[in-house]
PDB file of N, CA and C in Angstrom:
ATOM      1  N   MET A   1      12.718  25.312  66.625  1.00  0.00           N
ATOM      2  CA  MET A   1      13.781  25.515  67.583  1.00  0.00           C
ATOM      3  C   MET A   1      14.292  24.146  68.049  1.00  0.00           C
ATOM      4  N   ALA A   2      15.579  23.973  68.055  1.00  0.00           N
ATOM      5  CA  ALA A   2      16.185  22.698  68.442  1.00  0.00           C
ATOM      6  C   ALA A   2      16.122  22.524  69.955  1.00  0.00           C
ATOM      7  N   GLU A   3      15.874  21.276  70.354  1.00  0.00           N
ATOM      8  CA  GLU A   3      15.840  20.965  71.777  1.00  0.00           C
ATOM      9  C   GLU A   3      17.268  20.798  72.289  1.00  0.00           C
ATOM     10  N   MET A   4      17.560  21.398  73.436  1.00  0.00           N
ATOM     11  CA  MET A   4      18.886  21.275  74.031  1.00  0.00           C
ATOM     12  C   MET A   4      18.971  19.946  74.772  1.00  0.00           C
ATOM     13  N   VAL A   5      19.967  19.168  74.433  1.00  0.00           N
ATOM     14  CA  VAL A   5      20.173  17.873  75.080  1.00  0.00           C
ATOM     15  C   VAL A   5      21.545  17.897  75.735  1.00  0.00           C
ATOM     16  N   GLY A   6      21.584  17.481  76.981  1.00  0.00           N
ATOM     17  CA  GLY A   6      22.843  17.464  77.717  1.00  0.00           C
ATOM     18  C   GLY A   6      23.711  16.288  77.297  1.00  0.00           C
ATOM     19  N   PRO A   7      24.856  16.168  77.918  1.00  0.00           N
ATOM     20  CA  PRO A   7      25.774  15.069  77.587  1.00  0.00           C
ATOM     21  C   PRO A   7      25.180  13.718  77.999  1.00  0.00           C
ATOM     22  N   ARG A   8      25.589  12.679  77.276  1.00  0.00           N
ATOM     23  CA  ARG A   8      25.168  11.328  77.648  1.00  0.00           C
ATOM     24  C   ARG A   8      25.927  10.922  78.903  1.00  0.00           C
ATOM     25  N   LEU A   9      25.197  10.426  79.875  1.00  0.00           N
ATOM     26  CA  LEU A   9      25.739  10.127  81.194  1.00  0.00           C
ATOM     27  C   LEU A   9      25.425   8.703  81.617  1.00  0.00           C
ATOM     28  N   TYR A  10      26.156   8.252  82.632  1.00  0.00           N
ATOM     29  CA  TYR A  10      25.819   7.031  83.342  1.00  0.00           C
ATOM     30  C   TYR A  10      25.540   7.410  84.787  1.00  0.00           C
ATOM     31  N   SER A  11      24.499   6.805  85.355  1.00  0.00           N
ATOM     32  CA  SER A  11      24.097   7.093  86.728  1.00  0.00           C
ATOM     33  C   SER A  11      24.045   5.808  87.541  1.00  0.00           C
ATOM     34  N   CYS A  12      24.116   5.964  88.852  1.00  0.00           N
ATOM     35  CA  CYS A  12      23.988   4.838  89.766  1.00  0.00           C
ATOM     36  C   CYS A  12      22.617   4.188  89.558  1.00  0.00           C
ATOM     37  N   CYS A  13      22.579   2.875  89.441  1.00  0.00           N
ATOM     38  CA  CYS A  13      21.314   2.175  89.213  1.00  0.00           C
ATOM     39  C   CYS A  13      20.391   2.246  90.425  1.00  0.00           C
ATOM     40  N   ASN A  14      20.948   2.528  91.586  1.00  0.00           N
ATOM     41  CA  ASN A  14      20.178   2.526  92.819  1.00  0.00           C
ATOM     42  C   ASN A  14      19.501   3.872  93.094  1.00  0.00           C
ATOM     43  N   CYS A  15      20.246   4.979  92.916  1.00  0.00           N
ATOM     44  CA  CYS A  15      19.713   6.297  93.299  1.00  0.00           C
ATOM     45  C   CYS A  15      19.726   7.334  92.171  1.00  0.00           C
ATOM     46  N   ARG A  16      20.254   6.957  91.000  1.00  0.00           N
ATOM     47  CA  ARG A  16      20.333   7.841  89.826  1.00  0.00           C
ATOM     48  C   ARG A  16      21.302   9.010  89.980  1.00  0.00           C
ATOM     49  N   ASN A  17      22.232   8.922  90.898  1.00  0.00           N
ATOM     50  CA  ASN A  17      23.305   9.903  91.020  1.00  0.00           C
ATOM     51  C   ASN A  17      24.203   9.773  89.780  1.00  0.00           C
ATOM     52  N   GLN A  18      24.524  10.875  89.139  1.00  0.00           N
ATOM     53  CA  GLN A  18      25.363  10.843  87.934  1.00  0.00           C
ATOM     54  C   GLN A  18      26.802  10.513  88.314  1.00  0.00           C
ATOM     55  N   VAL A  19      27.354   9.445  87.687  1.00  0.00           N
ATOM     56  CA  VAL A  19      28.685   8.986  88.084  1.00  0.00           C
ATOM     57  C   VAL A  19      29.718   9.011  86.966  1.00  0.00           C
ATOM     58  N   ALA A  20      29.288   9.135  85.702  1.00  0.00           N
ATOM     59  CA  ALA A  20      30.278   9.142  84.614  1.00  0.00           C
ATOM     60  C   ALA A  20      29.678   9.734  83.349  1.00  0.00           C
ATOM     61  N   LEU A  21      30.565  10.278  82.518  1.00  0.00           N
ATOM     62  CA  LEU A  21      30.194  10.778  81.195  1.00  0.00           C
ATOM     63  C   LEU A  21      30.512   9.708  80.149  1.00  0.00           C
ATOM     64  N   HIS A  22      29.631   9.562  79.188  1.00  0.00           N
ATOM     65  CA  HIS A  22      29.872   8.597  78.112  1.00  0.00           C
ATOM     66  C   HIS A  22      31.182   8.913  77.387  1.00  0.00           C
ATOM     67  N   ASP A  23      31.525  10.177  77.261  1.00  0.00           N
ATOM     68  CA  ASP A  23      32.756  10.579  76.566  1.00  0.00           C
ATOM     69  C   ASP A  23      34.020  10.075  77.268  1.00  0.00           C
ATOM     70  N   ASP A  24      33.909   9.678  78.536  1.00  0.00           N
ATOM     71  CA  ASP A  24      35.067   9.186  79.281  1.00  0.00           C
ATOM     72  C   ASP A  24      35.243   7.666  79.183  1.00  0.00           C
ATOM     73  N   VAL A  25      34.345   6.993  78.434  1.00  0.00           N
ATOM     74  CA  VAL A  25      34.476   5.545  78.258  1.00  0.00           C
ATOM     75  C   VAL A  25      35.656   5.254  77.333  1.00  0.00           C
ATOM     76  N   ILE A  26      36.569   4.423  77.815  1.00  0.00           N
ATOM     77  CA  ILE A  26      37.717   3.990  77.024  1.00  0.00           C
ATOM     78  C   ILE A  26      37.407   2.670  76.336  1.00  0.00           C
ATOM     79  N   SER A  27      36.746   1.766  77.078  1.00  0.00           N
ATOM     80  CA  SER A  27      36.412   0.452  76.537  1.00  0.00           C
ATOM     81  C   SER A  27      35.159  -0.084  77.214  1.00  0.00           C
ATOM     82  N   LYS A  28      34.350  -0.798  76.435  1.00  0.00           N
ATOM     83  CA  LYS A  28      33.162  -1.472  76.966  1.00  0.00           C
ATOM     84  C   LYS A  28      33.388  -2.983  77.036  1.00  0.00           C
ATOM     85  N   SER A  29      34.607  -3.424  76.875  1.00  0.00           N
ATOM     86  CA  SER A  29      34.930  -4.851  76.779  1.00  0.00           C
ATOM     87  C   SER A  29      35.615  -5.421  78.009  1.00  0.00           C
ATOM     88  N   PHE A  30      35.378  -4.829  79.165  1.00  0.00           N
ATOM     89  CA  PHE A  30      36.011  -5.315  80.386  1.00  0.00           C
ATOM     90  C   PHE A  30      35.063  -6.224  81.155  1.00  0.00           C
ATOM     91  N   GLN A  31      35.643  -7.009  82.049  1.00  0.00           N
ATOM     92  CA  GLN A  31      34.876  -7.938  82.874  1.00  0.00           C
ATOM     93  C   GLN A  31      34.926  -7.464  84.316  1.00  0.00           C
ATOM     94  N   GLY A  32      33.761  -7.309  84.919  1.00  0.00           N
ATOM     95  CA  GLY A  32      33.677  -6.960  86.333  1.00  0.00           C
ATOM     96  C   GLY A  32      33.366  -8.196  87.151  1.00  0.00           C
ATOM     97  N   ILE A  33      33.072  -8.016  88.400  1.00  0.00           N
ATOM     98  CA  ILE A  33      32.725  -9.135  89.272  1.00  0.00           C
ATOM     99  C   ILE A  33      31.378  -9.725  88.863  1.00  0.00           C
ATOM    100  N   ASN A  34      30.446  -8.867  88.449  1.00  0.00           N
ATOM    101  CA  ASN A  34      29.083  -9.292  88.109  1.00  0.00           C
ATOM    102  C   ASN A  34      28.807  -9.316  86.612  1.00  0.00           C
ATOM    103  N   GLY A  35      29.826  -9.374  85.779  1.00  0.00           N
ATOM    104  CA  GLY A  35      29.609  -9.399  84.330  1.00  0.00           C
ATOM    105  C   GLY A  35      30.349  -8.280  83.627  1.00  0.00           C
ATOM    106  N   ARG A  36      29.776  -7.805  82.512  1.00  0.00           N
ATOM    107  CA  ARG A  36      30.419  -6.788  81.690  1.00  0.00           C
ATOM    108  C   ARG A  36      30.651  -5.503  82.472  1.00  0.00           C
ATOM    109  N   ALA A  37      31.716  -4.796  82.069  1.00  0.00           N
ATOM    110  CA  ALA A  37      32.081  -3.550  82.742  1.00  0.00           C
ATOM    111  C   ALA A  37      32.724  -2.605  81.737  1.00  0.00           C
ATOM    112  N   PHE A  38      32.727  -1.331  82.081  1.00  0.00           N
ATOM    113  CA  PHE A  38      33.327  -0.292  81.250  1.00  0.00           C
ATOM    114  C   PHE A  38      34.604   0.208  81.921  1.00  0.00           C
ATOM    115  N   LEU A  39      35.629   0.467  81.122  1.00  0.00           N
ATOM    116  CA  LEU A  39      36.835   1.142  81.592  1.00  0.00           C
ATOM    117  C   LEU A  39      36.677   2.613  81.259  1.00  0.00           C
ATOM    118  N   LEU A  40      36.837   3.475  82.261  1.00  0.00           N
ATOM    119  CA  LEU A  40      36.648   4.916  82.085  1.00  0.00           C
ATOM    120  C   LEU A  40      37.871   5.688  82.557  1.00  0.00           C
ATOM    121  N   SER A  41      38.097   6.817  81.908  1.00  0.00           N
ATOM    122  CA  SER A  41      39.213   7.677  82.305  1.00  0.00           C
ATOM    123  C   SER A  41      38.890   8.499  83.546  1.00  0.00           C
ATOM    124  N   HIS A  42      37.607   8.782  83.777  1.00  0.00           N
ATOM    125  CA  HIS A  42      37.183   9.585  84.928  1.00  0.00           C
ATOM    126  C   HIS A  42      35.854   9.061  85.461  1.00  0.00           C
ATOM    127  N   ALA A  43      35.592   9.332  86.721  1.00  0.00           N
ATOM    128  CA  ALA A  43      34.295   9.089  87.345  1.00  0.00           C
ATOM    129  C   ALA A  43      34.016  10.270  88.264  1.00  0.00           C
ATOM    130  N   MET A  44      32.743  10.502  88.556  1.00  0.00           N
ATOM    131  CA  MET A  44      32.378  11.647  89.395  1.00  0.00           C
ATOM    132  C   MET A  44      31.336  11.210  90.428  1.00  0.00           C
ATOM    133  N   ASN A  45      31.214  11.991  91.471  1.00  0.00           N
ATOM    134  CA  ASN A  45      30.237  11.718  92.527  1.00  0.00           C
ATOM    135  C   ASN A  45      30.397  10.325  93.115  1.00  0.00           C
ATOM    136  N   ILE A  46      31.651   9.940  93.290  1.00  0.00           N
ATOM    137  CA  ILE A  46      31.964   8.630  93.865  1.00  0.00           C
ATOM    138  C   ILE A  46      32.909   8.813  95.045  1.00  0.00           C
ATOM    139  N   MET A  47      32.985   7.786  95.874  1.00  0.00           N
ATOM    140  CA  MET A  47      33.964   7.722  96.958  1.00  0.00           C
ATOM    141  C   MET A  47      34.879   6.542  96.648  1.00  0.00           C
ATOM    142  N   VAL A  48      36.156   6.713  96.900  1.00  0.00           N
ATOM    143  CA  VAL A  48      37.133   5.650  96.660  1.00  0.00           C
ATOM    144  C   VAL A  48      37.489   5.029  98.003  1.00  0.00           C
ATOM    145  N   GLY A  49      37.336   3.712  98.082  1.00  0.00           N
ATOM    146  CA  GLY A  49      37.617   2.990  99.313  1.00  0.00           C
ATOM    147  C   GLY A  49      39.110   2.730  99.499  1.00  0.00           C
ATOM    148  N   PRO A  50      39.440   1.909 100.492  1.00  0.00           N
ATOM    149  CA  PRO A  50      40.848   1.594 100.761  1.00  0.00           C
ATOM    150  C   PRO A  50      41.463   0.741  99.652  1.00  0.00           C
ATOM    151  N   LYS A  51      42.762   0.924  99.464  1.00  0.00           N
ATOM    152  CA  LYS A  51      43.495   0.163  98.452  1.00  0.00           C
ATOM    153  C   LYS A  51      43.728  -1.262  98.937  1.00  0.00           C
ATOM    154  N   GLU A  52      43.672  -2.207  97.995  1.00  0.00           N
ATOM    155  CA  GLU A  52      44.000  -3.589  98.306  1.00  0.00           C
ATOM    156  C   GLU A  52      44.518  -4.269  97.055  1.00  0.00           C
ATOM    157  N   ASP A  53      45.382  -5.258  97.248  1.00  0.00           N
ATOM    158  CA  ASP A  53      45.881  -6.043  96.119  1.00  0.00           C
ATOM    159  C   ASP A  53      44.851  -7.109  95.777  1.00  0.00           C
ATOM    160  N   ARG A  54      44.548  -7.236  94.477  1.00  0.00           N
ATOM    161  CA  ARG A  54      43.604  -8.244  94.003  1.00  0.00           C
ATOM    162  C   ARG A  54      44.184  -8.949  92.796  1.00  0.00           C
ATOM    163  N   GLN A  55      44.016 -10.248  92.768  1.00  0.00           N
ATOM    164  CA  GLN A  55      44.392 -11.034  91.598  1.00  0.00           C
ATOM    165  C   GLN A  55      43.196 -11.004  90.643  1.00  0.00           C
ATOM    166  N   LEU A  56      43.343 -10.283  89.538  1.00  0.00           N
ATOM    167  CA  LEU A  56      42.289 -10.164  88.537  1.00  0.00           C
ATOM    168  C   LEU A  56      42.644 -11.035  87.335  1.00  0.00           C
ATOM    169  N   MET A  57      41.764 -11.069  86.361  1.00  0.00           N
ATOM    170  CA  MET A  57      41.989 -11.904  85.178  1.00  0.00           C
ATOM    171  C   MET A  57      43.287 -11.555  84.462  1.00  0.00           C
ATOM    172  N   THR A  58      43.700 -10.295  84.550  1.00  0.00           N
ATOM    173  CA  THR A  58      44.904  -9.841  83.849  1.00  0.00           C
ATOM    174  C   THR A  58      46.119  -9.717  84.752  1.00  0.00           C
ATOM    175  N   GLY A  59      46.055 -10.297  85.950  1.00  0.00           N
ATOM    176  CA  GLY A  59      47.198 -10.275  86.841  1.00  0.00           C
ATOM    177  C   GLY A  59      46.924  -9.536  88.135  1.00  0.00           C
ATOM    178  N   LEU A  60      47.974  -9.353  88.910  1.00  0.00           N
ATOM    179  CA  LEU A  60      47.876  -8.689  90.208  1.00  0.00           C
ATOM    180  C   LEU A  60      47.803  -7.174  90.022  1.00  0.00           C
ATOM    181  N   HIS A  61      46.825  -6.562  90.691  1.00  0.00           N
ATOM    182  CA  HIS A  61      46.639  -5.112  90.651  1.00  0.00           C
ATOM    183  C   HIS A  61      46.351  -4.613  92.061  1.00  0.00           C
ATOM    184  N   THR A  62      46.724  -3.364  92.336  1.00  0.00           N
ATOM    185  CA  THR A  62      46.250  -2.674  93.532  1.00  0.00           C
ATOM    186  C   THR A  62      45.031  -1.882  93.088  1.00  0.00           C
ATOM    187  N   VAL A  63      43.896  -2.143  93.726  1.00  0.00           N
ATOM    188  CA  VAL A  63      42.638  -1.508  93.350  1.00  0.00           C
ATOM    189  C   VAL A  63      41.953  -0.963  94.598  1.00  0.00           C
ATOM    190  N   ALA A  64      40.975  -0.093  94.380  1.00  0.00           N
ATOM    191  CA  ALA A  64      40.145   0.430  95.466  1.00  0.00           C
ATOM    192  C   ALA A  64      38.705   0.448  94.960  1.00  0.00           C
ATOM    193  N   ASP A  65      37.800  -0.128  95.723  1.00  0.00           N
ATOM    194  CA  ASP A  65      36.392  -0.111  95.330  1.00  0.00           C
ATOM    195  C   ASP A  65      35.905   1.330  95.229  1.00  0.00           C
ATOM    196  N   VAL A  66      35.001   1.587  94.274  1.00  0.00           N
ATOM    197  CA  VAL A  66      34.372   2.903  94.160  1.00  0.00           C
ATOM    198  C   VAL A  66      32.887   2.761  94.487  1.00  0.00           C
ATOM    199  N   HIS A  67      32.406   3.707  95.280  1.00  0.00           N
ATOM    200  CA  HIS A  67      31.035   3.695  95.778  1.00  0.00           C
ATOM    201  C   HIS A  67      30.328   4.966  95.324  1.00  0.00           C
ATOM    202  N   CYS A  68      29.040   4.876  95.067  1.00  0.00           N
ATOM    203  CA  CYS A  68      28.222   6.067  94.828  1.00  0.00           C
ATOM    204  C   CYS A  68      28.274   6.919  96.093  1.00  0.00           C
ATOM    205  N   CYS A  69      28.514   8.214  95.942  1.00  0.00           N
ATOM    206  CA  CYS A  69      28.631   9.079  97.120  1.00  0.00           C
ATOM    207  C   CYS A  69      27.281   9.355  97.778  1.00  0.00           C
ATOM    208  N   ASP A  70      26.173   9.073  97.084  1.00  0.00           N
ATOM    209  CA  ASP A  70      24.850   9.298  97.683  1.00  0.00           C
ATOM    210  C   ASP A  70      24.331   8.080  98.432  1.00  0.00           C
ATOM    211  N   CYS A  71      24.300   6.913  97.767  1.00  0.00           N
ATOM    212  CA  CYS A  71      23.694   5.727  98.389  1.00  0.00           C
ATOM    213  C   CYS A  71      24.705   4.684  98.837  1.00  0.00           C
ATOM    214  N   ARG A  72      25.987   4.884  98.528  1.00  0.00           N
ATOM    215  CA  ARG A  72      27.086   3.999  98.939  1.00  0.00           C
ATOM    216  C   ARG A  72      27.129   2.663  98.189  1.00  0.00           C
ATOM    217  N   GLU A  73      26.358   2.528  97.130  1.00  0.00           N
ATOM    218  CA  GLU A  73      26.390   1.315  96.311  1.00  0.00           C
ATOM    219  C   GLU A  73      27.789   1.129  95.716  1.00  0.00           C
ATOM    220  N   VAL A  74      28.337  -0.078  95.775  1.00  0.00           N
ATOM    221  CA  VAL A  74      29.615  -0.360  95.130  1.00  0.00           C
ATOM    222  C   VAL A  74      29.360  -0.454  93.626  1.00  0.00           C
ATOM    223  N   LEU A  75      30.047   0.388  92.863  1.00  0.00           N
ATOM    224  CA  LEU A  75      29.832   0.468  91.415  1.00  0.00           C
ATOM    225  C   LEU A  75      30.933  -0.214  90.614  1.00  0.00           C
ATOM    226  N   GLY A  76      32.083  -0.405  91.223  1.00  0.00           N
ATOM    227  CA  GLY A  76      33.226  -0.982  90.521  1.00  0.00           C
ATOM    228  C   GLY A  76      34.482  -0.724  91.315  1.00  0.00           C
ATOM    229  N   TRP A  77      35.569  -0.412  90.625  1.00  0.00           N
ATOM    230  CA  TRP A  77      36.828  -0.138  91.314  1.00  0.00           C
ATOM    231  C   TRP A  77      37.703   0.811  90.508  1.00  0.00           C
ATOM    232  N   LYS A  78      38.723   1.326  91.180  1.00  0.00           N
ATOM    233  CA  LYS A  78      39.732   2.171  90.552  1.00  0.00           C
ATOM    234  C   LYS A  78      41.046   1.401  90.555  1.00  0.00           C
ATOM    235  N   TYR A  79      41.717   1.392  89.408  1.00  0.00           N
ATOM    236  CA  TYR A  79      43.039   0.788  89.328  1.00  0.00           C
ATOM    237  C   TYR A  79      44.054   1.775  89.887  1.00  0.00           C
ATOM    238  N   GLU A  80      44.688   1.419  90.976  1.00  0.00           N
ATOM    239  CA  GLU A  80      45.717   2.268  91.571  1.00  0.00           C
ATOM    240  C   GLU A  80      47.101   1.892  91.050  1.00  0.00           C
ATOM    241  N   ARG A  81      47.344   0.578  90.883  1.00  0.00           N
ATOM    242  CA  ARG A  81      48.659   0.129  90.422  1.00  0.00           C
ATOM    243  C   ARG A  81      48.512  -1.183  89.669  1.00  0.00           C
ATOM    244  N   ALA A  82      49.243  -1.299  88.584  1.00  0.00           N
ATOM    245  CA  ALA A  82      49.340  -2.546  87.834  1.00  0.00           C
ATOM    246  C   ALA A  82      50.772  -3.035  87.954  1.00  0.00           C
ATOM    247  N   TYR A  83      50.938  -4.299  88.258  1.00  0.00           N
ATOM    248  CA  TYR A  83      52.281  -4.838  88.471  1.00  0.00           C
ATOM    249  C   TYR A  83      52.927  -5.320  87.178  1.00  0.00           C
ATOM    250  N   GLU A  84      52.114  -5.639  86.179  1.00  0.00           N
ATOM    251  CA  GLU A  84      52.656  -6.089  84.898  1.00  0.00           C
ATOM    252  C   GLU A  84      52.740  -4.904  83.938  1.00  0.00           C
ATOM    253  N   GLU A  85      53.838  -4.822  83.230  1.00  0.00           N
ATOM    254  CA  GLU A  85      54.090  -3.683  82.329  1.00  0.00           C
ATOM    255  C   GLU A  85      52.967  -3.493  81.309  1.00  0.00           C
ATOM    256  N   THR A  86      52.433  -4.582  80.790  1.00  0.00           N
ATOM    257  CA  THR A  86      51.387  -4.490  79.755  1.00  0.00           C
ATOM    258  C   THR A  86      50.061  -3.968  80.298  1.00  0.00           C
ATOM    259  N   GLN A  87      49.931  -3.890  81.617  1.00  0.00           N
ATOM    260  CA  GLN A  87      48.679  -3.448  82.239  1.00  0.00           C
ATOM    261  C   GLN A  87      48.769  -2.036  82.824  1.00  0.00           C
ATOM    262  N   LYS A  88      49.920  -1.383  82.692  1.00  0.00           N
ATOM    263  CA  LYS A  88      50.143  -0.059  83.286  1.00  0.00           C
ATOM    264  C   LYS A  88      49.161   1.009  82.784  1.00  0.00           C
ATOM    265  N   TYR A  89      48.623   0.821  81.564  1.00  0.00           N
ATOM    266  CA  TYR A  89      47.689   1.815  81.007  1.00  0.00           C
ATOM    267  C   TYR A  89      46.421   1.953  81.850  1.00  0.00           C
ATOM    268  N   LYS A  90      46.125   0.976  82.706  1.00  0.00           N
ATOM    269  CA  LYS A  90      44.915   1.001  83.534  1.00  0.00           C
ATOM    270  C   LYS A  90      45.067   1.867  84.782  1.00  0.00           C
ATOM    271  N   GLU A  91      46.295   2.186  85.156  1.00  0.00           N
ATOM    272  CA  GLU A  91      46.514   2.932  86.399  1.00  0.00           C
ATOM    273  C   GLU A  91      45.782   4.271  86.377  1.00  0.00           C
ATOM    274  N   GLY A  92      45.055   4.532  87.453  1.00  0.00           N
ATOM    275  CA  GLY A  92      44.295   5.773  87.568  1.00  0.00           C
ATOM    276  C   GLY A  92      42.944   5.733  86.871  1.00  0.00           C
ATOM    277  N   LYS A  93      42.624   4.621  86.216  1.00  0.00           N
ATOM    278  CA  LYS A  93      41.351   4.484  85.490  1.00  0.00           C
ATOM    279  C   LYS A  93      40.312   3.772  86.368  1.00  0.00           C
ATOM    280  N   PHE A  94      39.069   3.819  85.941  1.00  0.00           N
ATOM    281  CA  PHE A  94      37.947   3.277  86.706  1.00  0.00           C
ATOM    282  C   PHE A  94      37.240   2.167  85.944  1.00  0.00           C
ATOM    283  N   ILE A  95      36.795   1.173  86.683  1.00  0.00           N
ATOM    284  CA  ILE A  95      35.894   0.153  86.154  1.00  0.00           C
ATOM    285  C   ILE A  95      34.528   0.408  86.775  1.00  0.00           C
ATOM    286  N   LEU A  96      33.501   0.563  85.923  1.00  0.00           N
ATOM    287  CA  LEU A  96      32.126   0.630  86.411  1.00  0.00           C
ATOM    288  C   LEU A  96      31.386  -0.558  85.802  1.00  0.00           C
ATOM    289  N   GLU A  97      30.737  -1.327  86.663  1.00  0.00           N
ATOM    290  CA  GLU A  97      30.028  -2.512  86.204  1.00  0.00           C
ATOM    291  C   GLU A  97      28.719  -2.116  85.524  1.00  0.00           C
ATOM    292  N   LYS A  98      28.485  -2.698  84.378  1.00  0.00           N
ATOM    293  CA  LYS A  98      27.297  -2.373  83.585  1.00  0.00           C
ATOM    294  C   LYS A  98      26.010  -2.615  84.377  1.00  0.00           C
ATOM    295  N   SER A  99      25.999  -3.629  85.223  1.00  0.00           N
ATOM    296  CA  SER A  99      24.806  -3.945  86.014  1.00  0.00           C
ATOM    297  C   SER A  99      24.539  -2.934  87.123  1.00  0.00           C
ATOM    298  N   LYS A 100      25.509  -2.046  87.397  1.00  0.00           N
ATOM    299  CA  LYS A 100      25.380  -1.087  88.498  1.00  0.00           C
ATOM    300  C   LYS A 100      25.106   0.341  88.027  1.00  0.00           C
ATOM    301  N   ILE A 101      25.064   0.545  86.705  1.00  0.00           N
ATOM    302  CA  ILE A 101      24.842   1.886  86.164  1.00  0.00           C
ATOM    303  C   ILE A 101      23.707   1.858  85.134  1.00  0.00           C
ATOM    304  N   VAL A 102      23.095   3.018  84.928  1.00  0.00           N
ATOM    305  CA  VAL A 102      22.044   3.182  83.917  1.00  0.00           C
ATOM    306  C   VAL A 102      22.377   4.381  83.040  1.00  0.00           C
ATOM    307  N   LYS A 103      21.890   4.353  81.811  1.00  0.00           N
ATOM    308  CA  LYS A 103      22.106   5.449  80.865  1.00  0.00           C
ATOM    309  C   LYS A 103      21.154   6.597  81.143  1.00  0.00           C
ATOM    310  N   GLU A 104      21.659   7.811  80.971  1.00  0.00           N
ATOM    311  CA  GLU A 104      20.836   9.036  81.089  1.00  0.00           C
ATOM    312  C   GLU A 104      21.087   9.897  79.851  1.00  0.00           C
ATOM    313  N   ASN A 105      20.067  10.590  79.349  1.00  0.00           N
ATOM    314  CA  ASN A 105      20.155  11.506  78.196  1.00  0.00           C
ATOM    315  C   ASN A 105      20.543  10.803  76.904  1.00  0.00           C
ATOM    316  N   TRP A 106      20.034   9.613  76.678  1.00  0.00           N
ATOM    317  CA  TRP A 106      20.338   8.878  75.443  1.00  0.00           C
ATOM    318  C   TRP A 106      19.207   9.062  74.508  1.00  0.00           C
TER     319      TRP A 106
END
């Protein structure tokens, strides 16, 4: 009998709250504040903080920090607005820092 395995997930490194599905990863080649980061189409079990303009490596963006809804750990940010046309694809997407998440069901 085959063992049932759930979807591959990413969880908060602090409390293991599930915050993203591996299937929602768009790119693993992004840079966060603390190193490598993933760009995701969706995130779950998070809280979105206030919007603010930030000068990032790819230009000016309006972003909002995302926090684990259980332990309040800052996991990354959500792109709310990109001011440069070439960066518009990021709007509504999430950055989760690799150092702030752990793999589950791998």
